[in-house]
Amino acid sequence: MKKNKVINLFGNNKDIKNAAVKYSALLEKFMSPFAKEFVNFEYQEDIFEFAINAWNFGNMSSILDNDEFEEIISNAKDDAINYDLLRKMIAYKSLNFEEFSNFIIDFDIKTTNKKLSITVVTENEETYMTNVLLQSSETELTEDEFDENYINRSAISIKPLQPFIDWHNAIYTDATIDTTDLNDINIYLINSTSYADIEAHLKKKFDKYFMLELEGWHTNKTEWPQRRNYKMFKKWFEVTISTAVFDLEKSPVSKSEF
């Protein structure tokens, strides 16, 4: 899925009334003024996740007092590239969509006849905040339960299978590979709650993983398989999930761009 298709969602800026409103339409309207600022996002899912986080933060800013909210939002400063955009979108949500107080908890992107559409799942303010508090109390770690180097992530390992090998060898006829060349596989860290329904997670994210795996072996996107779907993903890759990740090293973990 290409990022430029996201811009096609932003054509309808008509006023949306509160009665029986579709939050998917609200989300598109909310994202519209910022379409040109999403150029640094490579994947559609990342754009929508970012916008949904901004929407939910905007809701929280109306509920919490300023000190509480600033303490929460300060955690987002680690992503310095997008922090300013996040703050702008939060302010825009509070100013222009204050009456729409539902939180967006999930979304699904579909492409039909080359047209992109998104559906969302929402929760009202009371339900969402109750669930947040319950989740926080359930996941609070103590020294008796976990080592201090426990990382609040799950891990997905993705191993290419024979169809992937066949695709690669059709391109690199003079440098073919086999299963023995695929022992060094990629591992992706995900939100520690996503493993609860890994099938739903993969159905939403499969093309992002697909593209990352393809790019690791061949950067010419015109020679990638073009009609990728979830059924094809399952045939091309073996996926293994690890629900607990520990860092046993003393040096801190660092993140960097490829």
Protein backbone atom coordinates (compact mmCIF):
# COMPACT_ATOMS: atom_id res chain seq x y z
CA MET A 1 0.00 0.00 0.00
CA LYS A 2 1.43 3.31 -1.11
CA LYS A 3 1.41 6.47 0.95
CA ASN A 4 0.20 8.71 -1.90
CA LYS A 5 -3.14 6.94 -1.91
CA VAL A 6 -3.85 8.39 1.52
CA ILE A 7 -4.12 11.88 0.03
CA ASN A 8 -7.07 10.69 -2.06
CA LEU A 9 -9.11 10.40 1.10
CA PHE A 10 -8.97 14.10 1.74
CA GLY A 11 -11.32 15.39 -0.92
CA ASN A 12 -14.47 15.86 1.13
CA ASN A 13 -14.29 18.83 3.51
CA LYS A 14 -18.03 19.39 3.92
CA ASP A 15 -19.28 20.00 7.43
CA ILE A 16 -20.14 16.78 9.24
CA LYS A 17 -23.02 16.94 11.70
CA ASN A 18 -22.91 15.23 15.06
CA ALA A 19 -26.10 13.20 14.52
CA ALA A 20 -25.24 9.57 13.71
CA VAL A 21 -21.84 10.72 12.54
CA LYS A 22 -19.37 8.20 11.14
CA TYR A 23 -16.05 8.57 12.91
CA SER A 24 -14.27 7.26 9.83
CA ALA A 25 -15.50 10.35 7.96
CA LEU A 26 -14.56 12.55 10.91
CA LEU A 27 -11.06 11.08 10.94
CA GLU A 28 -10.58 11.84 7.25
CA LYS A 29 -11.79 15.41 7.78
CA PHE A 30 -9.51 15.75 10.79
CA MET A 31 -6.47 14.55 8.80
CA SER A 32 -7.17 16.64 5.71
CA PRO A 33 -5.36 19.89 6.67
CA PHE A 34 -2.21 17.90 7.50
CA ALA A 35 -2.04 15.75 4.35
CA LYS A 36 1.16 17.39 3.07
CA GLU A 37 2.88 16.86 6.42
CA PHE A 38 2.64 13.08 6.17
CA VAL A 39 5.35 12.83 3.48
CA ASN A 40 7.84 11.38 5.96
CA PHE A 41 5.56 8.42 6.65
CA GLU A 42 6.23 5.47 4.37
CA TYR A 43 3.25 3.29 5.25
CA GLN A 44 -0.45 4.11 5.29
CA GLU A 45 -1.00 2.30 8.57
CA ASP A 46 1.56 4.53 10.28
CA ILE A 47 -0.24 7.66 9.04
CA PHE A 48 -3.60 6.54 10.38
CA GLU A 49 -2.14 5.31 13.67
CA PHE A 50 -0.44 8.67 14.16
CA ALA A 51 -3.64 10.59 13.37
CA ILE A 52 -5.69 8.37 15.68
CA ASN A 53 -3.19 8.91 18.50
CA ALA A 54 -3.49 12.66 17.94
CA TRP A 55 -7.29 12.39 18.01
CA ASN A 56 -7.26 10.42 21.26
CA PHE A 57 -4.70 12.74 22.85
CA GLY A 58 -6.97 15.62 21.85
CA ASN A 59 -9.82 13.96 23.73
CA MET A 60 -7.62 13.38 26.77
CA SER A 61 -6.50 17.00 26.79
CA SER A 62 -10.15 17.96 27.35
CA ILE A 63 -10.56 15.50 30.22
CA LEU A 64 -7.34 15.86 32.22
CA ASP A 65 -5.93 18.93 33.86
CA ASN A 66 -2.97 20.51 32.11
CA ASP A 67 -0.23 19.07 34.35
CA GLU A 68 -1.58 15.51 34.03
CA PHE A 69 -1.88 15.80 30.27
CA GLU A 70 1.60 17.27 29.83
CA GLU A 71 3.06 14.41 31.85
CA ILE A 72 1.40 11.91 29.51
CA ILE A 73 2.20 13.68 26.24
CA SER A 74 5.83 14.19 27.27
CA ASN A 75 6.41 10.49 26.55
CA ALA A 76 5.86 11.23 22.85
CA LYS A 77 8.88 13.55 22.73
CA ASP A 78 11.12 10.56 21.99
CA ASP A 79 9.78 10.73 18.43
CA ALA A 80 11.28 14.15 17.80
CA ILE A 81 10.56 14.17 14.06
CA ASN A 82 6.78 14.02 14.54
CA TYR A 83 6.29 15.60 17.96
CA ASP A 84 5.55 19.10 16.62
CA LEU A 85 3.02 17.68 14.16
CA LEU A 86 1.41 15.70 16.98
CA ARG A 87 0.99 18.83 19.09
CA LYS A 88 -0.52 20.72 16.14
CA MET A 89 -3.02 17.96 15.47
CA ILE A 90 -3.96 17.72 19.15
CA ALA A 91 -4.67 21.45 19.24
CA TYR A 92 -6.66 21.18 16.00
CA LYS A 93 -8.74 18.33 17.44
CA SER A 94 -9.51 20.28 20.61
CA LEU A 95 -10.46 23.40 18.67
CA ASN A 96 -12.51 21.93 15.83
CA PHE A 97 -13.81 18.53 16.99
CA GLU A 98 -14.36 18.98 20.72
CA GLU A 99 -17.99 17.77 20.57
CA PHE A 100 -16.92 14.40 19.12
CA SER A 101 -15.57 12.80 22.29
CA ASN A 102 -15.44 9.11 21.34
CA PHE A 103 -12.00 7.51 21.34
CA ILE A 104 -10.86 5.56 18.27
CA ILE A 105 -9.55 2.17 19.38
CA ASP A 106 -9.07 0.32 16.09
CA PHE A 107 -9.21 0.78 12.33
CA ASP A 108 -9.20 -1.20 9.11
CA ILE A 109 -8.04 -0.12 5.65
CA LYS A 110 -9.44 -1.66 2.50
CA THR A 111 -8.80 -1.05 -1.17
CA THR A 112 -11.69 -1.80 -3.54
CA ASN A 113 -11.39 -1.04 -7.25
CA LYS A 114 -8.28 1.01 -6.47
CA LYS A 115 -10.26 3.18 -4.03
CA LEU A 116 -9.06 3.38 -0.45
CA SER A 117 -11.52 3.31 2.44
CA ILE A 118 -11.16 3.17 6.20
CA THR A 119 -13.47 1.96 8.94
CA VAL A 120 -12.93 2.63 12.64
CA VAL A 121 -14.07 1.25 16.00
CA THR A 122 -14.75 3.73 18.80
CA GLU A 123 -15.47 3.74 22.52
CA ASN A 124 -17.14 6.43 24.55
CA GLU A 125 -15.12 8.46 27.00
CA GLU A 126 -16.15 6.58 30.14
CA THR A 127 -15.50 3.11 28.68
CA TYR A 128 -12.16 4.08 27.17
CA MET A 129 -10.76 5.73 30.30
CA THR A 130 -11.99 2.84 32.48
CA ASN A 131 -10.20 0.34 30.23
CA VAL A 132 -7.03 2.45 30.28
CA LEU A 133 -7.01 2.48 34.08
CA LEU A 134 -7.68 -1.26 34.28
CA GLN A 135 -4.96 -2.06 31.77
CA SER A 136 -2.52 0.15 33.63
CA SER A 137 -3.18 -1.61 36.93
CA GLU A 138 -2.96 -5.07 35.33
CA THR A 139 0.33 -4.41 33.56
CA GLU A 140 2.09 -2.60 36.39
CA LEU A 141 5.34 -4.46 36.95
CA THR A 142 6.96 -5.24 40.26
CA GLU A 143 10.47 -6.49 40.96
CA ASP A 144 9.01 -9.75 42.23
CA GLU A 145 7.28 -10.44 38.89
CA PHE A 146 9.79 -9.28 36.29
CA ASP A 147 13.41 -8.48 35.92
CA GLU A 148 14.07 -4.75 35.54
CA ASN A 149 15.14 -5.37 31.94
CA TYR A 150 11.73 -6.58 30.82
CA ILE A 151 10.67 -4.73 27.64
CA ASN A 152 6.97 -3.99 27.16
CA ARG A 153 6.94 -5.37 23.63
CA SER A 154 6.15 -8.64 21.93
CA ALA A 155 8.26 -9.87 19.04
CA ILE A 156 7.28 -11.19 15.63
CA SER A 157 9.85 -13.14 13.65
CA ILE A 158 9.21 -13.52 9.92
CA LYS A 159 10.92 -16.20 7.86
CA PRO A 160 10.60 -16.23 4.06
CA LEU A 161 9.34 -19.49 2.57
CA GLN A 162 9.77 -21.16 -0.83
CA PRO A 163 7.59 -18.72 -2.85
CA PHE A 164 9.81 -15.88 -1.62
CA ILE A 165 12.90 -17.85 -2.62
CA ASP A 166 11.41 -18.53 -6.05
CA TRP A 167 10.68 -14.82 -6.56
CA HIS A 168 14.23 -13.87 -5.55
CA ASN A 169 15.85 -16.50 -7.76
CA ALA A 170 13.81 -15.45 -10.77
CA ILE A 171 15.40 -12.00 -10.47
CA TYR A 172 18.91 -13.02 -9.39
CA THR A 173 19.50 -16.00 -11.64
CA ASP A 174 23.26 -15.78 -11.06
CA ALA A 175 22.97 -15.45 -7.26
CA THR A 176 20.23 -17.85 -6.23
CA ILE A 177 19.44 -18.66 -2.61
CA ASP A 178 17.85 -21.57 -0.76
CA THR A 179 16.46 -22.16 2.73
CA THR A 180 19.95 -22.32 4.24
CA ASP A 181 20.46 -18.66 3.32
CA LEU A 182 17.44 -17.61 5.38
CA ASN A 183 18.56 -18.57 8.87
CA ASP A 184 19.20 -14.92 9.77
CA ILE A 185 15.58 -13.74 9.89
CA ASN A 186 14.08 -10.39 10.80
CA ILE A 187 12.38 -9.71 14.12
CA TYR A 188 9.86 -6.92 14.64
CA LEU A 189 8.86 -5.54 18.03
CA ILE A 190 5.17 -4.75 18.42
CA ASN A 191 2.87 -3.48 21.14
CA SER A 192 2.77 -6.07 23.88
CA THR A 193 -1.03 -6.27 23.69
CA SER A 194 -1.16 -7.06 19.96
CA TYR A 195 -0.29 -10.71 20.46
CA ALA A 196 -3.70 -11.26 22.07
CA ASP A 197 -5.19 -11.28 18.57
CA ILE A 198 -2.17 -11.75 16.35
CA GLU A 199 -4.34 -12.73 13.38
CA ALA A 200 -6.12 -9.36 13.46
CA HIS A 201 -2.78 -7.60 13.83
CA LEU A 202 -1.29 -9.38 10.84
CA LYS A 203 -4.34 -8.81 8.67
CA LYS A 204 -3.94 -5.10 9.28
CA LYS A 205 -0.16 -4.92 9.04
CA PHE A 206 0.77 -7.72 6.62
CA ASP A 207 1.68 -5.47 3.69
CA LYS A 208 4.05 -3.41 5.81
CA TYR A 209 5.89 -6.58 6.82
CA PHE A 210 5.72 -7.83 3.24
CA MET A 211 7.34 -4.65 1.90
CA LEU A 212 10.06 -4.63 4.55
CA GLU A 213 11.00 -8.21 3.72
CA LEU A 214 11.03 -7.56 -0.03
CA GLU A 215 13.10 -4.41 0.39
CA GLY A 216 15.68 -6.32 2.41
CA TRP A 217 16.51 -8.40 -0.67
CA HIS A 218 15.59 -6.22 -3.64
CA THR A 219 15.00 -2.44 -3.66
CA ASN A 220 13.43 -2.10 -7.12
CA LYS A 221 9.76 -1.90 -6.20
CA THR A 222 8.61 -2.36 -9.79
CA GLU A 223 9.83 -5.97 -9.57
CA TRP A 224 8.00 -6.72 -6.35
CA PRO A 225 4.82 -8.80 -6.53
CA GLN A 226 2.14 -6.17 -7.08
CA ARG A 227 -1.09 -7.91 -6.05
CA ARG A 228 -0.18 -8.68 -2.48
CA ASN A 229 -2.84 -9.87 -0.06
CA TYR A 230 -3.00 -11.60 3.30
CA LYS A 231 -3.48 -15.06 1.78
CA MET A 232 -0.31 -14.55 -0.26
CA PHE A 233 1.55 -13.27 2.81
CA LYS A 234 0.78 -16.48 4.71
CA LYS A 235 2.12 -18.57 1.82
CA TRP A 236 5.32 -16.53 1.52
CA PHE A 237 6.26 -16.23 5.20
CA GLU A 238 6.33 -18.21 8.42
CA VAL A 239 5.43 -16.02 11.40
CA THR A 240 6.42 -16.76 14.99
CA ILE A 241 5.29 -14.68 17.97
CA SER A 242 7.17 -14.19 21.27
CA THR A 243 5.12 -12.63 24.04
CA ALA A 244 7.92 -11.62 26.42
CA VAL A 245 11.09 -9.74 25.52
CA PHE A 246 14.00 -9.21 27.95
CA ASP A 247 17.09 -7.10 27.49
CA LEU A 248 19.96 -8.67 29.43
CA GLU A 249 22.59 -6.15 28.36
CA LYS A 250 23.67 -3.16 30.47
CA SER A 251 23.96 -0.68 27.59
CA PRO A 252 20.72 1.14 26.74
CA VAL A 253 18.64 0.23 23.71
CA SER A 254 18.88 2.77 20.89
CA LYS A 255 16.60 3.46 17.93
CA SER A 256 17.76 4.80 14.59
CA GLU A 257 16.55 5.25 11.03
CA PHE A 258 17.64 2.72 8.43
